[in-house]
Amino acid sequence: MFFLVDVRRKGNESNESLIRRFANKVRLSGIKSEVIKHQYKKRKPNKRQRRAAAARRAELRDKFEKLDKLGLLPDKFTRPRQSFRDR
């Protein structure tokens, strides 16, 4: 991904004003946020970590379903039940 910000000095513009305009253009273009986002490479979780995470999710899902069936979940956690075809 390649970004280009072009700022040219206007007639009687001061250096501070030029730098301010440049910084504003960089901020509005999103270059800095993209650079920060890709600054460090995140390692993918290995097979053991993926399996552990899947087991945790399955356990939580079962726990929530059990509490929902018993009516012990607060309203903010309940989801309307939909079949796959209703979506």
PDB file of N, CA and C in Angstrom:
ATOM      1  N   MET A   1       0.853  -1.171   0.000  1.00  0.00           N
ATOM      2  CA  MET A   1       0.000   0.000   0.000  1.00  0.00           C
ATOM      3  C   MET A   1       0.896   1.231   0.000  1.00  0.00           C
ATOM      4  N   PHE A   2       0.682   2.116  -0.945  1.00  0.00           N
ATOM      5  CA  PHE A   2       1.541   3.265  -1.090  1.00  0.00           C
ATOM      6  C   PHE A   2       0.713   4.531  -1.025  1.00  0.00           C
ATOM      7  N   PHE A   3       1.068   5.425  -0.112  1.00  0.00           N
ATOM      8  CA  PHE A   3       0.348   6.691   0.033  1.00  0.00           C
ATOM      9  C   PHE A   3       1.279   7.819  -0.366  1.00  0.00           C
ATOM     10  N   LEU A   4       0.680   8.872  -0.878  1.00  0.00           N
ATOM     11  CA  LEU A   4       1.469  10.031  -1.245  1.00  0.00           C
ATOM     12  C   LEU A   4       0.716  11.278  -0.834  1.00  0.00           C
ATOM     13  N   VAL A   5       1.373  12.096  -0.022  1.00  0.00           N
ATOM     14  CA  VAL A   5       0.788  13.363   0.403  1.00  0.00           C
ATOM     15  C   VAL A   5       1.653  14.456  -0.195  1.00  0.00           C
ATOM     16  N   ASP A   6       1.036  15.319  -0.980  1.00  0.00           N
ATOM     17  CA  ASP A   6       1.775  16.376  -1.655  1.00  0.00           C
ATOM     18  C   ASP A   6       1.329  17.720  -1.100  1.00  0.00           C
ATOM     19  N   VAL A   7       2.277  18.472  -0.535  1.00  0.00           N
ATOM     20  CA  VAL A   7       1.988  19.795   0.000  1.00  0.00           C
ATOM     21  C   VAL A   7       3.021  20.750  -0.571  1.00  0.00           C
ATOM     22  N   ARG A   8       2.544  21.791  -1.249  1.00  0.00           N
ATOM     23  CA  ARG A   8       3.453  22.786  -1.818  1.00  0.00           C
ATOM     24  C   ARG A   8       3.292  24.102  -1.065  1.00  0.00           C
ATOM     25  N   ARG A   9       4.403  24.786  -0.929  1.00  0.00           N
ATOM     26  CA  ARG A   9       4.412  26.034  -0.187  1.00  0.00           C
ATOM     27  C   ARG A   9       3.697  27.126  -0.977  1.00  0.00           C
ATOM     28  N   LYS A  10       2.758  27.777  -0.298  1.00  0.00           N
ATOM     29  CA  LYS A  10       2.049  28.891  -0.928  1.00  0.00           C
ATOM     30  C   LYS A  10       2.919  30.140  -0.851  1.00  0.00           C
ATOM     31  N   GLY A  11       2.559  31.160  -1.591  1.00  0.00           N
ATOM     32  CA  GLY A  11       3.339  32.382  -1.751  1.00  0.00           C
ATOM     33  C   GLY A  11       4.124  32.861  -0.544  1.00  0.00           C
ATOM     34  N   ASN A  12       3.447  33.367   0.473  1.00  0.00           N
ATOM     35  CA  ASN A  12       4.142  33.963   1.609  1.00  0.00           C
ATOM     36  C   ASN A  12       3.856  33.145   2.876  1.00  0.00           C
ATOM     37  N   GLU A  13       3.842  31.818   2.751  1.00  0.00           N
ATOM     38  CA  GLU A  13       3.464  30.952   3.864  1.00  0.00           C
ATOM     39  C   GLU A  13       4.673  30.660   4.753  1.00  0.00           C
ATOM     40  N   SER A  14       4.465  30.656   6.056  1.00  0.00           N
ATOM     41  CA  SER A  14       5.560  30.365   6.987  1.00  0.00           C
ATOM     42  C   SER A  14       5.808  28.858   7.042  1.00  0.00           C
ATOM     43  N   ASN A  15       6.972  28.502   7.559  1.00  0.00           N
ATOM     44  CA  ASN A  15       7.321  27.086   7.679  1.00  0.00           C
ATOM     45  C   ASN A  15       6.374  26.365   8.631  1.00  0.00           C
ATOM     46  N   GLU A  16       6.006  27.024   9.724  1.00  0.00           N
ATOM     47  CA  GLU A  16       5.107  26.403  10.705  1.00  0.00           C
ATOM     48  C   GLU A  16       3.750  26.095  10.081  1.00  0.00           C
ATOM     49  N   SER A  17       3.262  27.006   9.273  1.00  0.00           N
ATOM     50  CA  SER A  17       1.975  26.804   8.613  1.00  0.00           C
ATOM     51  C   SER A  17       2.052  25.651   7.615  1.00  0.00           C
ATOM     52  N   LEU A  18       3.155  25.571   6.901  1.00  0.00           N
ATOM     53  CA  LEU A  18       3.355  24.493   5.935  1.00  0.00           C
ATOM     54  C   LEU A  18       3.392  23.134   6.653  1.00  0.00           C
ATOM     55  N   ILE A  19       4.117  23.073   7.754  1.00  0.00           N
ATOM     56  CA  ILE A  19       4.198  21.829   8.528  1.00  0.00           C
ATOM     57  C   ILE A  19       2.840  21.469   9.092  1.00  0.00           C
ATOM     58  N   ARG A  20       2.085  22.459   9.554  1.00  0.00           N
ATOM     59  CA  ARG A  20       0.746  22.212  10.093  1.00  0.00           C
ATOM     60  C   ARG A  20      -0.182  21.656   9.016  1.00  0.00           C
ATOM     61  N   ARG A  21      -0.127  22.227   7.806  1.00  0.00           N
ATOM     62  CA  ARG A  21      -0.959  21.721   6.707  1.00  0.00           C
ATOM     63  C   ARG A  21      -0.570  20.302   6.330  1.00  0.00           C
ATOM     64  N   PHE A  22       0.757  20.029   6.302  1.00  0.00           N
ATOM     65  CA  PHE A  22       1.231  18.697   5.976  1.00  0.00           C
ATOM     66  C   PHE A  22       0.755  17.675   7.024  1.00  0.00           C
ATOM     67  N   ALA A  23       0.900  18.020   8.291  1.00  0.00           N
ATOM     68  CA  ALA A  23       0.480  17.111   9.361  1.00  0.00           C
ATOM     69  C   ALA A  23      -1.021  16.848   9.286  1.00  0.00           C
ATOM     70  N   ASN A  24      -1.786  17.871   8.961  1.00  0.00           N
ATOM     71  CA  ASN A  24      -3.241  17.724   8.850  1.00  0.00           C
ATOM     72  C   ASN A  24      -3.600  16.803   7.675  1.00  0.00           C
ATOM     73  N   LYS A  25      -2.906  16.949   6.550  1.00  0.00           N
ATOM     74  CA  LYS A  25      -3.166  16.084   5.397  1.00  0.00           C
ATOM     75  C   LYS A  25      -2.807  14.632   5.705  1.00  0.00           C
ATOM     76  N   VAL A  26      -1.706  14.429   6.409  1.00  0.00           N
ATOM     77  CA  VAL A  26      -1.298  13.072   6.783  1.00  0.00           C
ATOM     78  C   VAL A  26      -2.352  12.468   7.700  1.00  0.00           C
ATOM     79  N   ARG A  27      -2.833  13.250   8.658  1.00  0.00           N
ATOM     80  CA  ARG A  27      -3.833  12.758   9.603  1.00  0.00           C
ATOM     81  C   ARG A  27      -5.123  12.401   8.882  1.00  0.00           C
ATOM     82  N   LEU A  28      -5.566  13.256   7.968  1.00  0.00           N
ATOM     83  CA  LEU A  28      -6.818  13.007   7.258  1.00  0.00           C
ATOM     84  C   LEU A  28      -6.716  11.852   6.265  1.00  0.00           C
ATOM     85  N   SER A  29      -5.521  11.608   5.743  1.00  0.00           N
ATOM     86  CA  SER A  29      -5.369  10.530   4.765  1.00  0.00           C
ATOM     87  C   SER A  29      -5.330   9.151   5.425  1.00  0.00           C
ATOM     88  N   GLY A  30      -5.040   9.088   6.729  1.00  0.00           N
ATOM     89  CA  GLY A  30      -5.015   7.814   7.432  1.00  0.00           C
ATOM     90  C   GLY A  30      -3.709   7.065   7.306  1.00  0.00           C
ATOM     91  N   ILE A  31      -2.670   7.729   6.836  1.00  0.00           N
ATOM     92  CA  ILE A  31      -1.380   7.070   6.661  1.00  0.00           C
ATOM     93  C   ILE A  31      -0.817   6.633   8.007  1.00  0.00           C
ATOM     94  N   LYS A  32      -0.863   7.528   8.976  1.00  0.00           N
ATOM     95  CA  LYS A  32      -0.249   7.233  10.272  1.00  0.00           C
ATOM     96  C   LYS A  32      -0.941   6.058  10.956  1.00  0.00           C
ATOM     97  N   SER A  33      -2.274   6.016  10.891  1.00  0.00           N
ATOM     98  CA  SER A  33      -2.987   4.913  11.529  1.00  0.00           C
ATOM     99  C   SER A  33      -2.653   3.584  10.844  1.00  0.00           C
ATOM    100  N   GLU A  34      -2.491   3.591   9.523  1.00  0.00           N
ATOM    101  CA  GLU A  34      -2.116   2.377   8.808  1.00  0.00           C
ATOM    102  C   GLU A  34      -0.712   1.926   9.190  1.00  0.00           C
ATOM    103  N   VAL A  35       0.200   2.857   9.319  1.00  0.00           N
ATOM    104  CA  VAL A  35       1.576   2.515   9.688  1.00  0.00           C
ATOM    105  C   VAL A  35       1.606   1.920  11.086  1.00  0.00           C
ATOM    106  N   ILE A  36       0.880   2.526  12.012  1.00  0.00           N
ATOM    107  CA  ILE A  36       0.847   2.020  13.380  1.00  0.00           C
ATOM    108  C   ILE A  36       0.202   0.642  13.416  1.00  0.00           C
ATOM    109  N   LYS A  37      -0.841   0.439  12.625  1.00  0.00           N
ATOM    110  CA  LYS A  37      -1.539  -0.841  12.596  1.00  0.00           C
ATOM    111  C   LYS A  37      -0.620  -1.967  12.124  1.00  0.00           C
ATOM    112  N   HIS A  38       0.263  -1.683  11.165  1.00  0.00           N
ATOM    113  CA  HIS A  38       1.133  -2.702  10.596  1.00  0.00           C
ATOM    114  C   HIS A  38       2.558  -2.609  11.122  1.00  0.00           C
ATOM    115  N   GLN A  39       2.734  -1.938  12.248  1.00  0.00           N
ATOM    116  CA  GLN A  39       4.076  -1.735  12.770  1.00  0.00           C
ATOM    117  C   GLN A  39       4.695  -3.048  13.242  1.00  0.00           C
ATOM    118  N   TYR A  40       3.910  -3.884  13.893  1.00  0.00           N
ATOM    119  CA  TYR A  40       4.415  -5.147  14.403  1.00  0.00           C
ATOM    120  C   TYR A  40       3.648  -6.289  13.753  1.00  0.00           C
ATOM    121  N   LYS A  41       4.354  -7.343  13.431  1.00  0.00           N
ATOM    122  CA  LYS A  41       3.711  -8.506  12.830  1.00  0.00           C
ATOM    123  C   LYS A  41       3.176  -9.384  13.944  1.00  0.00           C
ATOM    124  N   LYS A  42       1.879  -9.681  13.893  1.00  0.00           N
ATOM    125  CA  LYS A  42       1.278 -10.541  14.898  1.00  0.00           C
ATOM    126  C   LYS A  42       1.470 -11.985  14.481  1.00  0.00           C
ATOM    127  N   ARG A  43       1.886 -12.811  15.429  1.00  0.00           N
ATOM    128  CA  ARG A  43       2.063 -14.221  15.139  1.00  0.00           C
ATOM    129  C   ARG A  43       0.721 -14.920  15.219  1.00  0.00           C
ATOM    130  N   LYS A  44       0.497 -15.843  14.318  1.00  0.00           N
ATOM    131  CA  LYS A  44      -0.736 -16.614  14.336  1.00  0.00           C
ATOM    132  C   LYS A  44      -0.657 -17.637  15.460  1.00  0.00           C
ATOM    133  N   PRO A  45      -1.782 -17.911  16.118  1.00  0.00           N
ATOM    134  CA  PRO A  45      -1.746 -18.903  17.183  1.00  0.00           C
ATOM    135  C   PRO A  45      -1.478 -20.299  16.610  1.00  0.00           C
ATOM    136  N   ASN A  46      -0.721 -21.093  17.375  1.00  0.00           N
ATOM    137  CA  ASN A  46      -0.411 -22.435  16.893  1.00  0.00           C
ATOM    138  C   ASN A  46      -1.603 -23.364  17.100  1.00  0.00           C
ATOM    139  N   LYS A  47      -1.444 -24.614  16.705  1.00  0.00           N
ATOM    140  CA  LYS A  47      -2.555 -25.557  16.711  1.00  0.00           C
ATOM    141  C   LYS A  47      -3.098 -25.787  18.125  1.00  0.00           C
ATOM    142  N   ARG A  48      -2.214 -25.877  19.110  1.00  0.00           N
ATOM    143  CA  ARG A  48      -2.638 -26.112  20.482  1.00  0.00           C
ATOM    144  C   ARG A  48      -3.457 -24.931  21.004  1.00  0.00           C
ATOM    145  N   GLN A  49      -3.012 -23.709  20.700  1.00  0.00           N
ATOM    146  CA  GLN A  49      -3.727 -22.519  21.146  1.00  0.00           C
ATOM    147  C   GLN A  49      -5.095 -22.415  20.470  1.00  0.00           C
ATOM    148  N   ARG A  50      -5.165 -22.762  19.180  1.00  0.00           N
ATOM    149  CA  ARG A  50      -6.444 -22.710  18.474  1.00  0.00           C
ATOM    150  C   ARG A  50      -7.430 -23.709  19.068  1.00  0.00           C
ATOM    151  N   ARG A  51      -6.937 -24.917  19.372  1.00  0.00           N
ATOM    152  CA  ARG A  51      -7.808 -25.936  19.968  1.00  0.00           C
ATOM    153  C   ARG A  51      -8.287 -25.510  21.349  1.00  0.00           C
ATOM    154  N   ALA A  52      -7.394 -24.911  22.146  1.00  0.00           N
ATOM    155  CA  ALA A  52      -7.769 -24.468  23.487  1.00  0.00           C
ATOM    156  C   ALA A  52      -8.819 -23.365  23.410  1.00  0.00           C
ATOM    157  N   ALA A  53      -8.654 -22.446  22.471  1.00  0.00           N
ATOM    158  CA  ALA A  53      -9.618 -21.361  22.313  1.00  0.00           C
ATOM    159  C   ALA A  53     -10.972 -21.902  21.863  1.00  0.00           C
ATOM    160  N   ALA A  54     -10.968 -22.884  20.964  1.00  0.00           N
ATOM    161  CA  ALA A  54     -12.219 -23.476  20.495  1.00  0.00           C
ATOM    162  C   ALA A  54     -12.919 -24.201  21.640  1.00  0.00           C
ATOM    163  N   ALA A  55     -12.141 -24.885  22.486  1.00  0.00           N
ATOM    164  CA  ALA A  55     -12.731 -25.585  23.627  1.00  0.00           C
ATOM    165  C   ALA A  55     -13.345 -24.589  24.607  1.00  0.00           C
ATOM    166  N   ARG A  56     -12.662 -23.465  24.841  1.00  0.00           N
ATOM    167  CA  ARG A  56     -13.201 -22.417  25.731  1.00  0.00           C
ATOM    168  C   ARG A  56     -14.505 -21.851  25.185  1.00  0.00           C
ATOM    169  N   ARG A  57     -14.537 -21.590  23.884  1.00  0.00           N
ATOM    170  CA  ARG A  57     -15.751 -21.051  23.275  1.00  0.00           C
ATOM    171  C   ARG A  57     -16.906 -22.038  23.384  1.00  0.00           C
ATOM    172  N   ALA A  58     -16.619 -23.317  23.126  1.00  0.00           N
ATOM    173  CA  ALA A  58     -17.667 -24.337  23.205  1.00  0.00           C
ATOM    174  C   ALA A  58     -18.192 -24.457  24.631  1.00  0.00           C
ATOM    175  N   GLU A  59     -17.293 -24.411  25.614  1.00  0.00           N
ATOM    176  CA  GLU A  59     -17.702 -24.501  27.018  1.00  0.00           C
ATOM    177  C   GLU A  59     -18.570 -23.313  27.412  1.00  0.00           C
ATOM    178  N   LEU A  60     -18.171 -22.110  27.003  1.00  0.00           N
ATOM    179  CA  LEU A  60     -18.969 -20.913  27.304  1.00  0.00           C
ATOM    180  C   LEU A  60     -20.331 -20.963  26.624  1.00  0.00           C
ATOM    181  N   ARG A  61     -20.340 -21.429  25.361  1.00  0.00           N
ATOM    182  CA  ARG A  61     -21.594 -21.522  24.628  1.00  0.00           C
ATOM    183  C   ARG A  61     -22.559 -22.477  25.338  1.00  0.00           C
ATOM    184  N   ASP A  62     -22.037 -23.628  25.772  1.00  0.00           N
ATOM    185  CA  ASP A  62     -22.876 -24.593  26.485  1.00  0.00           C
ATOM    186  C   ASP A  62     -23.389 -24.003  27.801  1.00  0.00           C
ATOM    187  N   LYS A  63     -22.516 -23.296  28.504  1.00  0.00           N
ATOM    188  CA  LYS A  63     -22.905 -22.685  29.783  1.00  0.00           C
ATOM    189  C   LYS A  63     -24.018 -21.660  29.578  1.00  0.00           C
ATOM    190  N   PHE A  64     -23.867 -20.804  28.567  1.00  0.00           N
ATOM    191  CA  PHE A  64     -24.872 -19.778  28.299  1.00  0.00           C
ATOM    192  C   PHE A  64     -26.193 -20.399  27.864  1.00  0.00           C
ATOM    193  N   GLU A  65     -26.118 -21.446  27.029  1.00  0.00           N
ATOM    194  CA  GLU A  65     -27.349 -22.104  26.590  1.00  0.00           C
ATOM    195  C   GLU A  65     -28.089 -22.728  27.771  1.00  0.00           C
ATOM    196  N   LYS A  66     -27.344 -23.336  28.681  1.00  0.00           N
ATOM    197  CA  LYS A  66     -27.960 -23.955  29.856  1.00  0.00           C
ATOM    198  C   LYS A  66     -28.628 -22.889  30.733  1.00  0.00           C
ATOM    199  N   LEU A  67     -27.912 -21.782  30.988  1.00  0.00           N
ATOM    200  CA  LEU A  67     -28.482 -20.706  31.801  1.00  0.00           C
ATOM    201  C   LEU A  67     -29.691 -20.068  31.118  1.00  0.00           C
ATOM    202  N   ASP A  68     -29.627 -19.959  29.785  1.00  0.00           N
ATOM    203  CA  ASP A  68     -30.741 -19.374  29.038  1.00  0.00           C
ATOM    204  C   ASP A  68     -31.977 -20.264  29.135  1.00  0.00           C
ATOM    205  N   LYS A  69     -31.787 -21.574  29.034  1.00  0.00           N
ATOM    206  CA  LYS A  69     -32.917 -22.495  29.131  1.00  0.00           C
ATOM    207  C   LYS A  69     -33.532 -22.481  30.523  1.00  0.00           C
ATOM    208  N   LEU A  70     -32.690 -22.270  31.546  1.00  0.00           N
ATOM    209  CA  LEU A  70     -33.189 -22.213  32.914  1.00  0.00           C
ATOM    210  C   LEU A  70     -33.800 -20.851  33.247  1.00  0.00           C
ATOM    211  N   GLY A  71     -33.574 -19.859  32.368  1.00  0.00           N
ATOM    212  CA  GLY A  71     -34.117 -18.521  32.585  1.00  0.00           C
ATOM    213  C   GLY A  71     -33.323 -17.711  33.587  1.00  0.00           C
ATOM    214  N   LEU A  72     -32.049 -18.025  33.752  1.00  0.00           N
ATOM    215  CA  LEU A  72     -31.222 -17.340  34.739  1.00  0.00           C
ATOM    216  C   LEU A  72     -30.339 -16.248  34.132  1.00  0.00           C
ATOM    217  N   LEU A  73     -30.438 -16.044  32.823  1.00  0.00           N
ATOM    218  CA  LEU A  73     -29.642 -14.999  32.177  1.00  0.00           C
ATOM    219  C   LEU A  73     -30.387 -13.671  32.229  1.00  0.00           C
ATOM    220  N   PRO A  74     -29.668 -12.555  32.448  1.00  0.00           N
ATOM    221  CA  PRO A  74     -30.318 -11.242  32.339  1.00  0.00           C
ATOM    222  C   PRO A  74     -30.763 -10.987  30.900  1.00  0.00           C
ATOM    223  N   ASP A  75     -31.658 -10.031  30.716  1.00  0.00           N
ATOM    224  CA  ASP A  75     -32.228  -9.751  29.390  1.00  0.00           C
ATOM    225  C   ASP A  75     -31.180  -9.339  28.367  1.00  0.00           C
ATOM    226  N   LYS A  76     -30.130  -8.662  28.824  1.00  0.00           N
ATOM    227  CA  LYS A  76     -29.148  -8.174  27.843  1.00  0.00           C
ATOM    228  C   LYS A  76     -28.351  -9.309  27.201  1.00  0.00           C
ATOM    229  N   PHE A  77     -28.330 -10.511  27.825  1.00  0.00           N
ATOM    230  CA  PHE A  77     -27.587 -11.631  27.264  1.00  0.00           C
ATOM    231  C   PHE A  77     -28.440 -12.542  26.401  1.00  0.00           C
ATOM    232  N   THR A  78     -29.738 -12.419  26.492  1.00  0.00           N
ATOM    233  CA  THR A  78     -30.576 -13.326  25.719  1.00  0.00           C
ATOM    234  C   THR A  78     -30.637 -12.876  24.276  1.00  0.00           C
ATOM    235  N   ARG A  79     -30.592 -13.835  23.393  1.00  0.00           N
ATOM    236  CA  ARG A  79     -30.681 -13.555  21.964  1.00  0.00           C
ATOM    237  C   ARG A  79     -31.935 -14.233  21.441  1.00  0.00           C
ATOM    238  N   PRO A  80     -32.582 -13.621  20.472  1.00  0.00           N
ATOM    239  CA  PRO A  80     -33.743 -14.299  19.889  1.00  0.00           C
ATOM    240  C   PRO A  80     -33.290 -15.562  19.176  1.00  0.00           C
ATOM    241  N   ARG A  81     -34.027 -16.611  19.364  1.00  0.00           N
ATOM    242  CA  ARG A  81     -33.667 -17.877  18.740  1.00  0.00           C
ATOM    243  C   ARG A  81     -34.122 -17.852  17.281  1.00  0.00           C
ATOM    244  N   GLN A  82     -33.171 -18.133  16.396  1.00  0.00           N
ATOM    245  CA  GLN A  82     -33.467 -18.161  14.973  1.00  0.00           C
ATOM    246  C   GLN A  82     -32.868 -19.436  14.391  1.00  0.00           C
ATOM    247  N   SER A  83     -33.610 -20.018  13.503  1.00  0.00           N
ATOM    248  CA  SER A  83     -33.017 -21.140  12.812  1.00  0.00           C
ATOM    249  C   SER A  83     -32.120 -20.608  11.695  1.00  0.00           C
ATOM    250  N   PHE A  84     -31.344 -21.467  11.121  1.00  0.00           N
ATOM    251  CA  PHE A  84     -30.419 -21.059  10.085  1.00  0.00           C
ATOM    252  C   PHE A  84     -31.156 -20.490   8.878  1.00  0.00           C
ATOM    253  N   ARG A  85     -32.335 -21.026   8.587  1.00  0.00           N
ATOM    254  CA  ARG A  85     -33.087 -20.590   7.403  1.00  0.00           C
ATOM    255  C   ARG A  85     -33.754 -19.234   7.613  1.00  0.00           C
ATOM    256  N   ASP A  86     -33.992 -18.836   8.873  1.00  0.00           N
ATOM    257  CA  ASP A  86     -34.657 -17.556   9.141  1.00  0.00           C
ATOM    258  C   ASP A  86     -33.726 -16.367   8.980  1.00  0.00           C
ATOM    259  N   ARG A  87     -32.455 -16.580   8.898  1.00  0.00           N
ATOM    260  CA  ARG A  87     -31.498 -15.465   8.867  1.00  0.00           C
ATOM    261  C   ARG A  87     -31.502 -14.759   7.571  1.00  0.00           C
TER     262      ARG A  87
END
